[in-house]
Amino acid sequence: MKKFTKTVEDFICAHCGATVTGNGYTNHCPKCLWSRHVDNNPGDRASTCLGMMEPIAAESVSDGFIITHKCQKCGKTIRQHSAENDDIDTIIAISSNPDFIFGK
């Protein structure tokens, strides 16, 4: 079964209102890093939840950052690589969140 579907879409961020130009891998706003729970598998747009996904943690890895999002509606947690155009100040602010414990 295919686990990734490349879906090129532009969107308006439902959290901050920024206009986002998608590239087929874009799953969050590069300005505020919020996302929307639209996928069951990356890119499939099959989720019926549609809750807002809050960026709750970021950790440094060799090729950027891993951002952890948690759905405010259903509680699903996902981890996603950062993109080149993500706001580094927002990533730093999230990575210094002392209240985050993965899995909670």
PDB file of N, CA and C in Angstrom:
ATOM      1  N   MET A   1       0.836  -1.193   0.000  1.00  0.00           N
ATOM      2  CA  MET A   1       0.000   0.000   0.000  1.00  0.00           C
ATOM      3  C   MET A   1       0.877   1.251   0.000  1.00  0.00           C
ATOM      4  N   LYS A   2       0.568   2.187  -0.862  1.00  0.00           N
ATOM      5  CA  LYS A   2       1.312   3.428  -0.963  1.00  0.00           C
ATOM      6  C   LYS A   2       1.081   4.267   0.292  1.00  0.00           C
ATOM      7  N   LYS A   3       2.165   4.751   0.903  1.00  0.00           N
ATOM      8  CA  LYS A   3       2.063   5.499   2.155  1.00  0.00           C
ATOM      9  C   LYS A   3       2.201   7.012   1.969  1.00  0.00           C
ATOM     10  N   PHE A   4       2.593   7.467   0.778  1.00  0.00           N
ATOM     11  CA  PHE A   4       2.763   8.897   0.554  1.00  0.00           C
ATOM     12  C   PHE A   4       2.175   9.283  -0.789  1.00  0.00           C
ATOM     13  N   THR A   5       1.404  10.340  -0.788  1.00  0.00           N
ATOM     14  CA  THR A   5       0.846  10.890  -2.013  1.00  0.00           C
ATOM     15  C   THR A   5       1.308  12.335  -2.125  1.00  0.00           C
ATOM     16  N   LYS A   6       2.047  12.653  -3.186  1.00  0.00           N
ATOM     17  CA  LYS A   6       2.486  14.026  -3.395  1.00  0.00           C
ATOM     18  C   LYS A   6       1.285  14.839  -3.857  1.00  0.00           C
ATOM     19  N   THR A   7       0.904  15.840  -3.054  1.00  0.00           N
ATOM     20  CA  THR A   7      -0.249  16.679  -3.349  1.00  0.00           C
ATOM     21  C   THR A   7       0.188  18.136  -3.314  1.00  0.00           C
ATOM     22  N   VAL A   8       0.230  18.788  -4.474  1.00  0.00           N
ATOM     23  CA  VAL A   8       0.643  20.186  -4.556  1.00  0.00           C
ATOM     24  C   VAL A   8      -0.592  21.063  -4.359  1.00  0.00           C
ATOM     25  N   GLU A   9      -0.603  21.814  -3.263  1.00  0.00           N
ATOM     26  CA  GLU A   9      -1.729  22.695  -2.951  1.00  0.00           C
ATOM     27  C   GLU A   9      -1.221  23.970  -2.305  1.00  0.00           C
ATOM     28  N   ASP A  10      -1.821  25.088  -2.661  1.00  0.00           N
ATOM     29  CA  ASP A  10      -1.621  26.343  -1.959  1.00  0.00           C
ATOM     30  C   ASP A  10      -2.771  26.470  -0.970  1.00  0.00           C
ATOM     31  N   PHE A  11      -2.547  27.167   0.154  1.00  0.00           N
ATOM     32  CA  PHE A  11      -3.602  27.332   1.129  1.00  0.00           C
ATOM     33  C   PHE A  11      -3.396  28.580   1.969  1.00  0.00           C
ATOM     34  N   ILE A  12      -4.454  28.988   2.633  1.00  0.00           N
ATOM     35  CA  ILE A  12      -4.399  30.074   3.600  1.00  0.00           C
ATOM     36  C   ILE A  12      -4.342  29.413   4.973  1.00  0.00           C
ATOM     37  N   CYS A  13      -3.362  29.765   5.773  1.00  0.00           N
ATOM     38  CA  CYS A  13      -3.218  29.177   7.097  1.00  0.00           C
ATOM     39  C   CYS A  13      -4.426  29.529   7.950  1.00  0.00           C
ATOM     40  N   ALA A  14      -5.078  28.503   8.490  1.00  0.00           N
ATOM     41  CA  ALA A  14      -6.262  28.709   9.327  1.00  0.00           C
ATOM     42  C   ALA A  14      -5.898  29.251  10.703  1.00  0.00           C
ATOM     43  N   HIS A  15      -4.622  29.265  11.046  1.00  0.00           N
ATOM     44  CA  HIS A  15      -4.200  29.790  12.350  1.00  0.00           C
ATOM     45  C   HIS A  15      -3.782  31.252  12.262  1.00  0.00           C
ATOM     46  N   CYS A  16      -2.876  31.577  11.330  1.00  0.00           N
ATOM     47  CA  CYS A  16      -2.352  32.956  11.271  1.00  0.00           C
ATOM     48  C   CYS A  16      -2.778  33.735  10.035  1.00  0.00           C
ATOM     49  N   GLY A  17      -3.385  33.065   9.051  1.00  0.00           N
ATOM     50  CA  GLY A  17      -3.867  33.747   7.853  1.00  0.00           C
ATOM     51  C   GLY A  17      -2.835  33.941   6.759  1.00  0.00           C
ATOM     52  N   ALA A  18      -1.635  33.419   6.931  1.00  0.00           N
ATOM     53  CA  ALA A  18      -0.597  33.555   5.900  1.00  0.00           C
ATOM     54  C   ALA A  18      -0.978  32.767   4.648  1.00  0.00           C
ATOM     55  N   THR A  19      -0.587  33.304   3.491  1.00  0.00           N
ATOM     56  CA  THR A  19      -0.763  32.593   2.229  1.00  0.00           C
ATOM     57  C   THR A  19       0.428  31.662   2.053  1.00  0.00           C
ATOM     58  N   VAL A  20       0.160  30.373   1.862  1.00  0.00           N
ATOM     59  CA  VAL A  20       1.218  29.368   1.774  1.00  0.00           C
ATOM     60  C   VAL A  20       1.200  28.755   0.375  1.00  0.00           C
ATOM     61  N   THR A  21       2.359  28.747  -0.272  1.00  0.00           N
ATOM     62  CA  THR A  21       2.518  28.115  -1.574  1.00  0.00           C
ATOM     63  C   THR A  21       3.059  26.718  -1.357  1.00  0.00           C
ATOM     64  N   GLY A  22       2.289  25.708  -1.740  1.00  0.00           N
ATOM     65  CA  GLY A  22       2.683  24.319  -1.531  1.00  0.00           C
ATOM     66  C   GLY A  22       3.612  23.822  -2.618  1.00  0.00           C
ATOM     67  N   ASN A  23       4.394  22.794  -2.279  1.00  0.00           N
ATOM     68  CA  ASN A  23       5.313  22.197  -3.248  1.00  0.00           C
ATOM     69  C   ASN A  23       5.113  20.690  -3.397  1.00  0.00           C
ATOM     70  N   GLY A  24       4.057  20.164  -2.804  1.00  0.00           N
ATOM     71  CA  GLY A  24       3.807  18.733  -2.849  1.00  0.00           C
ATOM     72  C   GLY A  24       4.216  18.027  -1.572  1.00  0.00           C
ATOM     73  N   TYR A  25       5.029  18.695  -0.770  1.00  0.00           N
ATOM     74  CA  TYR A  25       5.469  18.148   0.500  1.00  0.00           C
ATOM     75  C   TYR A  25       5.052  19.052   1.665  1.00  0.00           C
ATOM     76  N   THR A  26       4.477  20.206   1.351  1.00  0.00           N
ATOM     77  CA  THR A  26       4.098  21.184   2.364  1.00  0.00           C
ATOM     78  C   THR A  26       2.940  20.660   3.204  1.00  0.00           C
ATOM     79  N   ASN A  27       3.132  20.619   4.515  1.00  0.00           N
ATOM     80  CA  ASN A  27       2.037  20.177   5.375  1.00  0.00           C
ATOM     81  C   ASN A  27       1.763  21.140   6.516  1.00  0.00           C
ATOM     82  N   HIS A  28       2.501  22.244   6.570  1.00  0.00           N
ATOM     83  CA  HIS A  28       2.276  23.212   7.638  1.00  0.00           C
ATOM     84  C   HIS A  28       2.650  24.613   7.149  1.00  0.00           C
ATOM     85  N   CYS A  29       2.177  25.593   7.883  1.00  0.00           N
ATOM     86  CA  CYS A  29       2.473  26.995   7.569  1.00  0.00           C
ATOM     87  C   CYS A  29       3.922  27.296   7.953  1.00  0.00           C
ATOM     88  N   PRO A  30       4.713  27.860   7.044  1.00  0.00           N
ATOM     89  CA  PRO A  30       6.106  28.158   7.376  1.00  0.00           C
ATOM     90  C   PRO A  30       6.259  29.337   8.337  1.00  0.00           C
ATOM     91  N   LYS A  31       5.216  30.126   8.505  1.00  0.00           N
ATOM     92  CA  LYS A  31       5.274  31.287   9.393  1.00  0.00           C
ATOM     93  C   LYS A  31       5.007  30.892  10.852  1.00  0.00           C
ATOM     94  N   CYS A  32       3.879  30.241  11.114  1.00  0.00           N
ATOM     95  CA  CYS A  32       3.496  29.901  12.494  1.00  0.00           C
ATOM     96  C   CYS A  32       3.694  28.421  12.809  1.00  0.00           C
ATOM     97  N   LEU A  33       3.937  27.606  11.775  1.00  0.00           N
ATOM     98  CA  LEU A  33       4.180  26.159  11.854  1.00  0.00           C
ATOM     99  C   LEU A  33       2.939  25.329  12.183  1.00  0.00           C
ATOM    100  N   TRP A  34       1.768  25.948  12.281  1.00  0.00           N
ATOM    101  CA  TRP A  34       0.537  25.195  12.513  1.00  0.00           C
ATOM    102  C   TRP A  34       0.161  24.433  11.244  1.00  0.00           C
ATOM    103  N   SER A  35      -0.621  23.389  11.432  1.00  0.00           N
ATOM    104  CA  SER A  35      -1.061  22.534  10.341  1.00  0.00           C
ATOM    105  C   SER A  35      -2.540  22.219  10.543  1.00  0.00           C
ATOM    106  N   ARG A  36      -3.078  21.419   9.651  1.00  0.00           N
ATOM    107  CA  ARG A  36      -4.458  20.956   9.778  1.00  0.00           C
ATOM    108  C   ARG A  36      -4.473  19.448   9.583  1.00  0.00           C
ATOM    109  N   HIS A  37      -5.260  18.743  10.370  1.00  0.00           N
ATOM    110  CA  HIS A  37      -5.334  17.282  10.323  1.00  0.00           C
ATOM    111  C   HIS A  37      -6.198  16.868   9.130  1.00  0.00           C
ATOM    112  N   VAL A  38      -5.568  16.764   7.956  1.00  0.00           N
ATOM    113  CA  VAL A  38      -6.286  16.421   6.728  1.00  0.00           C
ATOM    114  C   VAL A  38      -5.896  15.062   6.154  1.00  0.00           C
ATOM    115  N   ASP A  39      -4.812  14.459   6.661  1.00  0.00           N
ATOM    116  CA  ASP A  39      -4.314  13.201   6.095  1.00  0.00           C
ATOM    117  C   ASP A  39      -4.404  12.046   7.086  1.00  0.00           C
ATOM    118  N   ASN A  40      -4.686  10.849   6.560  1.00  0.00           N
ATOM    119  CA  ASN A  40      -4.487   9.615   7.318  1.00  0.00           C
ATOM    120  C   ASN A  40      -3.064   9.129   7.061  1.00  0.00           C
ATOM    121  N   ASN A  41      -2.661   9.111   5.784  1.00  0.00           N
ATOM    122  CA  ASN A  41      -1.283   8.875   5.365  1.00  0.00           C
ATOM    123  C   ASN A  41      -0.849  10.142   4.640  1.00  0.00           C
ATOM    124  N   PRO A  42       0.429  10.532   4.741  1.00  0.00           N
ATOM    125  CA  PRO A  42       0.875  11.803   4.176  1.00  0.00           C
ATOM    126  C   PRO A  42       0.399  12.049   2.744  1.00  0.00           C
ATOM    127  N   GLY A  43      -0.321  13.164   2.562  1.00  0.00           N
ATOM    128  CA  GLY A  43      -0.766  13.595   1.249  1.00  0.00           C
ATOM    129  C   GLY A  43      -2.070  13.024   0.760  1.00  0.00           C
ATOM    130  N   ASP A  44      -2.696  12.094   1.491  1.00  0.00           N
ATOM    131  CA  ASP A  44      -3.902  11.452   0.952  1.00  0.00           C
ATOM    132  C   ASP A  44      -5.182  12.274   1.115  1.00  0.00           C
ATOM    133  N   ARG A  45      -5.185  13.260   1.973  1.00  0.00           N
ATOM    134  CA  ARG A  45      -6.337  14.143   2.240  1.00  0.00           C
ATOM    135  C   ARG A  45      -7.592  13.343   2.598  1.00  0.00           C
ATOM    136  N   ALA A  46      -7.401  12.201   3.287  1.00  0.00           N
ATOM    137  CA  ALA A  46      -8.505  11.295   3.605  1.00  0.00           C
ATOM    138  C   ALA A  46      -9.041  11.440   5.034  1.00  0.00           C
ATOM    139  N   SER A  47      -8.418  12.268   5.864  1.00  0.00           N
ATOM    140  CA  SER A  47      -8.894  12.406   7.244  1.00  0.00           C
ATOM    141  C   SER A  47     -10.170  13.238   7.276  1.00  0.00           C
ATOM    142  N   THR A  48     -11.101  12.823   8.093  1.00  0.00           N
ATOM    143  CA  THR A  48     -12.337  13.592   8.277  1.00  0.00           C
ATOM    144  C   THR A  48     -12.261  14.461   9.523  1.00  0.00           C
ATOM    145  N   CYS A  49     -11.171  14.377  10.273  1.00  0.00           N
ATOM    146  CA  CYS A  49     -11.020  15.139  11.516  1.00  0.00           C
ATOM    147  C   CYS A  49     -11.010  16.649  11.247  1.00  0.00           C
ATOM    148  N   LEU A  50     -10.065  17.093  10.427  1.00  0.00           N
ATOM    149  CA  LEU A  50      -9.879  18.495  10.046  1.00  0.00           C
ATOM    150  C   LEU A  50      -9.552  19.425  11.209  1.00  0.00           C
ATOM    151  N   GLY A  51      -9.109  18.856  12.338  1.00  0.00           N
ATOM    152  CA  GLY A  51      -8.722  19.673  13.491  1.00  0.00           C
ATOM    153  C   GLY A  51      -7.434  20.433  13.226  1.00  0.00           C
ATOM    154  N   MET A  52      -7.191  21.451  14.014  1.00  0.00           N
ATOM    155  CA  MET A  52      -5.950  22.211  13.918  1.00  0.00           C
ATOM    156  C   MET A  52      -4.842  21.461  14.648  1.00  0.00           C
ATOM    157  N   MET A  53      -3.681  21.397  13.983  1.00  0.00           N
ATOM    158  CA  MET A  53      -2.522  20.690  14.521  1.00  0.00           C
ATOM    159  C   MET A  53      -1.530  21.721  15.068  1.00  0.00           C
ATOM    160  N   GLU A  54      -1.402  21.740  16.378  1.00  0.00           N
ATOM    161  CA  GLU A  54      -0.513  22.695  17.039  1.00  0.00           C
ATOM    162  C   GLU A  54       0.927  22.185  17.029  1.00  0.00           C
ATOM    163  N   PRO A  55       1.888  23.049  16.678  1.00  0.00           N
ATOM    164  CA  PRO A  55       3.289  22.639  16.781  1.00  0.00           C
ATOM    165  C   PRO A  55       3.681  22.684  18.263  1.00  0.00           C
ATOM    166  N   ILE A  56       3.975  21.518  18.825  1.00  0.00           N
ATOM    167  CA  ILE A  56       4.213  21.471  20.271  1.00  0.00           C
ATOM    168  C   ILE A  56       5.663  21.190  20.637  1.00  0.00           C
ATOM    169  N   ALA A  57       6.474  20.796  19.667  1.00  0.00           N
ATOM    170  CA  ALA A  57       7.891  20.540  19.940  1.00  0.00           C
ATOM    171  C   ALA A  57       8.680  20.573  18.644  1.00  0.00           C
ATOM    172  N   ALA A  58       9.963  20.864  18.770  1.00  0.00           N
ATOM    173  CA  ALA A  58      10.876  20.810  17.633  1.00  0.00           C
ATOM    174  C   ALA A  58      12.223  20.334  18.159  1.00  0.00           C
ATOM    175  N   GLU A  59      12.828  19.431  17.421  1.00  0.00           N
ATOM    176  CA  GLU A  59      14.136  18.931  17.831  1.00  0.00           C
ATOM    177  C   GLU A  59      15.084  18.990  16.650  1.00  0.00           C
ATOM    178  N   SER A  60      16.317  19.308  16.931  1.00  0.00           N
ATOM    179  CA  SER A  60      17.342  19.417  15.906  1.00  0.00           C
ATOM    180  C   SER A  60      17.769  18.025  15.448  1.00  0.00           C
ATOM    181  N   VAL A  61      17.876  17.864  14.125  1.00  0.00           N
ATOM    182  CA  VAL A  61      18.415  16.650  13.515  1.00  0.00           C
ATOM    183  C   VAL A  61      19.457  17.086  12.487  1.00  0.00           C
ATOM    184  N   SER A  62      20.170  16.163  11.919  1.00  0.00           N
ATOM    185  CA  SER A  62      21.293  16.502  11.035  1.00  0.00           C
ATOM    186  C   SER A  62      20.888  17.339   9.822  1.00  0.00           C
ATOM    187  N   ASP A  63      19.664  17.171   9.332  1.00  0.00           N
ATOM    188  CA  ASP A  63      19.248  17.894   8.123  1.00  0.00           C
ATOM    189  C   ASP A  63      18.158  18.931   8.396  1.00  0.00           C
ATOM    190  N   GLY A  64      18.085  19.451   9.612  1.00  0.00           N
ATOM    191  CA  GLY A  64      17.097  20.486   9.944  1.00  0.00           C
ATOM    192  C   GLY A  64      16.480  20.240  11.302  1.00  0.00           C
ATOM    193  N   PHE A  65      15.148  20.169  11.311  1.00  0.00           N
ATOM    194  CA  PHE A  65      14.416  19.953  12.554  1.00  0.00           C
ATOM    195  C   PHE A  65      13.276  18.982  12.308  1.00  0.00           C
ATOM    196  N   ILE A  66      12.867  18.299  13.361  1.00  0.00           N
ATOM    197  CA  ILE A  66      11.641  17.515  13.351  1.00  0.00           C
ATOM    198  C   ILE A  66      10.642  18.291  14.195  1.00  0.00           C
ATOM    199  N   ILE A  67       9.510  18.623  13.607  1.00  0.00           N
ATOM    200  CA  ILE A  67       8.449  19.356  14.305  1.00  0.00           C
ATOM    201  C   ILE A  67       7.365  18.353  14.682  1.00  0.00           C
ATOM    202  N   THR A  68       6.950  18.394  15.932  1.00  0.00           N
ATOM    203  CA  THR A  68       5.870  17.535  16.400  1.00  0.00           C
ATOM    204  C   THR A  68       4.598  18.360  16.471  1.00  0.00           C
ATOM    205  N   HIS A  69       3.546  17.857  15.835  1.00  0.00           N
ATOM    206  CA  HIS A  69       2.230  18.500  15.843  1.00  0.00           C
ATOM    207  C   HIS A  69       1.250  17.627  16.614  1.00  0.00           C
ATOM    208  N   LYS A  70       0.337  18.266  17.338  1.00  0.00           N
ATOM    209  CA  LYS A  70      -0.719  17.541  18.048  1.00  0.00           C
ATOM    210  C   LYS A  70      -2.070  18.135  17.660  1.00  0.00           C
ATOM    211  N   CYS A  71      -2.982  17.271  17.224  1.00  0.00           N
ATOM    212  CA  CYS A  71      -4.305  17.713  16.812  1.00  0.00           C
ATOM    213  C   CYS A  71      -5.098  18.163  18.043  1.00  0.00           C
ATOM    214  N   GLN A  72      -5.630  19.365  17.967  1.00  0.00           N
ATOM    215  CA  GLN A  72      -6.415  19.899  19.076  1.00  0.00           C
ATOM    216  C   GLN A  72      -7.799  19.276  19.164  1.00  0.00           C
ATOM    217  N   LYS A  73      -8.225  18.588  18.109  1.00  0.00           N
ATOM    218  CA  LYS A  73      -9.556  17.978  18.087  1.00  0.00           C
ATOM    219  C   LYS A  73      -9.528  16.518  18.538  1.00  0.00           C
ATOM    220  N   CYS A  74      -8.649  15.702  17.933  1.00  0.00           N
ATOM    221  CA  CYS A  74      -8.646  14.260  18.234  1.00  0.00           C
ATOM    222  C   CYS A  74      -7.437  13.799  19.031  1.00  0.00           C
ATOM    223  N   GLY A  75      -6.408  14.649  19.155  1.00  0.00           N
ATOM    224  CA  GLY A  75      -5.229  14.308  19.938  1.00  0.00           C
ATOM    225  C   GLY A  75      -4.128  13.580  19.194  1.00  0.00           C
ATOM    226  N   LYS A  76      -4.313  13.277  17.903  1.00  0.00           N
ATOM    227  CA  LYS A  76      -3.280  12.575  17.138  1.00  0.00           C
ATOM    228  C   LYS A  76      -1.996  13.405  17.128  1.00  0.00           C
ATOM    229  N   THR A  77      -0.877  12.728  17.279  1.00  0.00           N
ATOM    230  CA  THR A  77       0.431  13.375  17.261  1.00  0.00           C
ATOM    231  C   THR A  77       1.209  12.860  16.067  1.00  0.00           C
ATOM    232  N   ILE A  78       1.806  13.782  15.289  1.00  0.00           N
ATOM    233  CA  ILE A  78       2.646  13.404  14.155  1.00  0.00           C
ATOM    234  C   ILE A  78       3.950  14.183  14.213  1.00  0.00           C
ATOM    235  N   ARG A  79       4.976  13.630  13.581  1.00  0.00           N
ATOM    236  CA  ARG A  79       6.282  14.285  13.493  1.00  0.00           C
ATOM    237  C   ARG A  79       6.582  14.536  12.019  1.00  0.00           C
ATOM    238  N   GLN A  80       7.095  15.715  11.720  1.00  0.00           N
ATOM    239  CA  GLN A  80       7.320  16.134  10.335  1.00  0.00           C
ATOM    240  C   GLN A  80       8.630  16.892  10.233  1.00  0.00           C
ATOM    241  N   HIS A  81       9.389  16.658   9.165  1.00  0.00           N
ATOM    242  CA  HIS A  81      10.599  17.438   8.940  1.00  0.00           C
ATOM    243  C   HIS A  81      10.248  18.901   8.678  1.00  0.00           C
ATOM    244  N   SER A  82      11.116  19.775   9.115  1.00  0.00           N
ATOM    245  CA  SER A  82      10.966  21.190   8.814  1.00  0.00           C
ATOM    246  C   SER A  82      11.247  21.420   7.332  1.00  0.00           C
ATOM    247  N   ALA A  83      10.814  22.569   6.852  1.00  0.00           N
ATOM    248  CA  ALA A  83      11.072  22.967   5.467  1.00  0.00           C
ATOM    249  C   ALA A  83      12.076  24.115   5.467  1.00  0.00           C
ATOM    250  N   GLU A  84      12.732  24.325   4.334  1.00  0.00           N
ATOM    251  CA  GLU A  84      13.743  25.391   4.225  1.00  0.00           C
ATOM    252  C   GLU A  84      13.199  26.763   4.573  1.00  0.00           C
ATOM    253  N   ASN A  85      11.923  27.006   4.261  1.00  0.00           N
ATOM    254  CA  ASN A  85      11.363  28.337   4.475  1.00  0.00           C
ATOM    255  C   ASN A  85      10.633  28.489   5.814  1.00  0.00           C
ATOM    256  N   ASP A  86      10.748  27.505   6.715  1.00  0.00           N
ATOM    257  CA  ASP A  86      10.123  27.627   8.028  1.00  0.00           C
ATOM    258  C   ASP A  86      10.802  28.717   8.850  1.00  0.00           C
ATOM    259  N   ASP A  87      10.010  29.450   9.619  1.00  0.00           N
ATOM    260  CA  ASP A  87      10.517  30.540  10.450  1.00  0.00           C
ATOM    261  C   ASP A  87      11.376  29.966  11.578  1.00  0.00           C
ATOM    262  N   ILE A  88      12.669  30.257  11.537  1.00  0.00           N
ATOM    263  CA  ILE A  88      13.598  29.687  12.512  1.00  0.00           C
ATOM    264  C   ILE A  88      13.314  30.188  13.925  1.00  0.00           C
ATOM    265  N   ASP A  89      12.862  31.431  14.078  1.00  0.00           N
ATOM    266  CA  ASP A  89      12.549  31.943  15.412  1.00  0.00           C
ATOM    267  C   ASP A  89      11.383  31.181  16.036  1.00  0.00           C
ATOM    268  N   THR A  90      10.405  30.804  15.216  1.00  0.00           N
ATOM    269  CA  THR A  90       9.275  30.014  15.711  1.00  0.00           C
ATOM    270  C   THR A  90       9.743  28.611  16.087  1.00  0.00           C
ATOM    271  N   ILE A  91      10.608  28.024  15.282  1.00  0.00           N
ATOM    272  CA  ILE A  91      11.147  26.700  15.606  1.00  0.00           C
ATOM    273  C   ILE A  91      11.910  26.741  16.933  1.00  0.00           C
ATOM    274  N   ILE A  92      12.722  27.763  17.126  1.00  0.00           N
ATOM    275  CA  ILE A  92      13.490  27.886  18.375  1.00  0.00           C
ATOM    276  C   ILE A  92      12.549  28.049  19.569  1.00  0.00           C
ATOM    277  N   ALA A  93      11.511  28.862  19.408  1.00  0.00           N
ATOM    278  CA  ALA A  93      10.555  29.059  20.503  1.00  0.00           C
ATOM    279  C   ALA A  93       9.870  27.745  20.873  1.00  0.00           C
ATOM    280  N   ILE A  94       9.492  26.959  19.874  1.00  0.00           N
ATOM    281  CA  ILE A  94       8.830  25.680  20.133  1.00  0.00           C
ATOM    282  C   ILE A  94       9.803  24.686  20.754  1.00  0.00           C
ATOM    283  N   SER A  95      11.048  24.691  20.290  1.00  0.00           N
ATOM    284  CA  SER A  95      12.021  23.726  20.805  1.00  0.00           C
ATOM    285  C   SER A  95      12.395  23.999  22.252  1.00  0.00           C
ATOM    286  N   SER A  96      12.134  25.196  22.725  1.00  0.00           N
ATOM    287  CA  SER A  96      12.457  25.515  24.115  1.00  0.00           C
ATOM    288  C   SER A  96      11.236  25.371  25.025  1.00  0.00           C
ATOM    289  N   ASN A  97      10.186  24.699  24.549  1.00  0.00           N
ATOM    290  CA  ASN A  97       8.959  24.491  25.324  1.00  0.00           C
ATOM    291  C   ASN A  97       9.230  23.490  26.456  1.00  0.00           C
ATOM    292  N   PRO A  98       9.303  23.941  27.709  1.00  0.00           N
ATOM    293  CA  PRO A  98       9.618  23.036  28.815  1.00  0.00           C
ATOM    294  C   PRO A  98       8.457  22.132  29.223  1.00  0.00           C
ATOM    295  N   ASP A  99       7.257  22.413  28.750  1.00  0.00           N
ATOM    296  CA  ASP A  99       6.080  21.626  29.134  1.00  0.00           C
ATOM    297  C   ASP A  99       5.856  20.410  28.255  1.00  0.00           C
ATOM    298  N   PHE A 100       6.617  20.282  27.167  1.00  0.00           N
ATOM    299  CA  PHE A 100       6.382  19.188  26.237  1.00  0.00           C
ATOM    300  C   PHE A 100       7.047  17.899  26.699  1.00  0.00           C
ATOM    301  N   ILE A 101       6.279  16.829  26.719  1.00  0.00           N
ATOM    302  CA  ILE A 101       6.794  15.478  26.925  1.00  0.00           C
ATOM    303  C   ILE A 101       6.192  14.653  25.806  1.00  0.00           C
ATOM    304  N   PHE A 102       7.022  14.084  24.904  1.00  0.00           N
ATOM    305  CA  PHE A 102       6.503  13.371  23.749  1.00  0.00           C
ATOM    306  C   PHE A 102       5.552  12.252  24.188  1.00  0.00           C
ATOM    307  N   GLY A 103       4.431  12.157  23.510  1.00  0.00           N
ATOM    308  CA  GLY A 103       3.456  11.115  23.787  1.00  0.00           C
ATOM    309  C   GLY A 103       2.336  11.561  24.705  1.00  0.00           C
ATOM    310  N   LYS A 104       2.455  12.715  25.312  1.00  0.00           N
ATOM    311  CA  LYS A 104       1.386  13.189  26.198  1.00  0.00           C
ATOM    312  C   LYS A 104       0.375  13.985  25.422  1.00  0.00           C
TER     313      LYS A 104
END
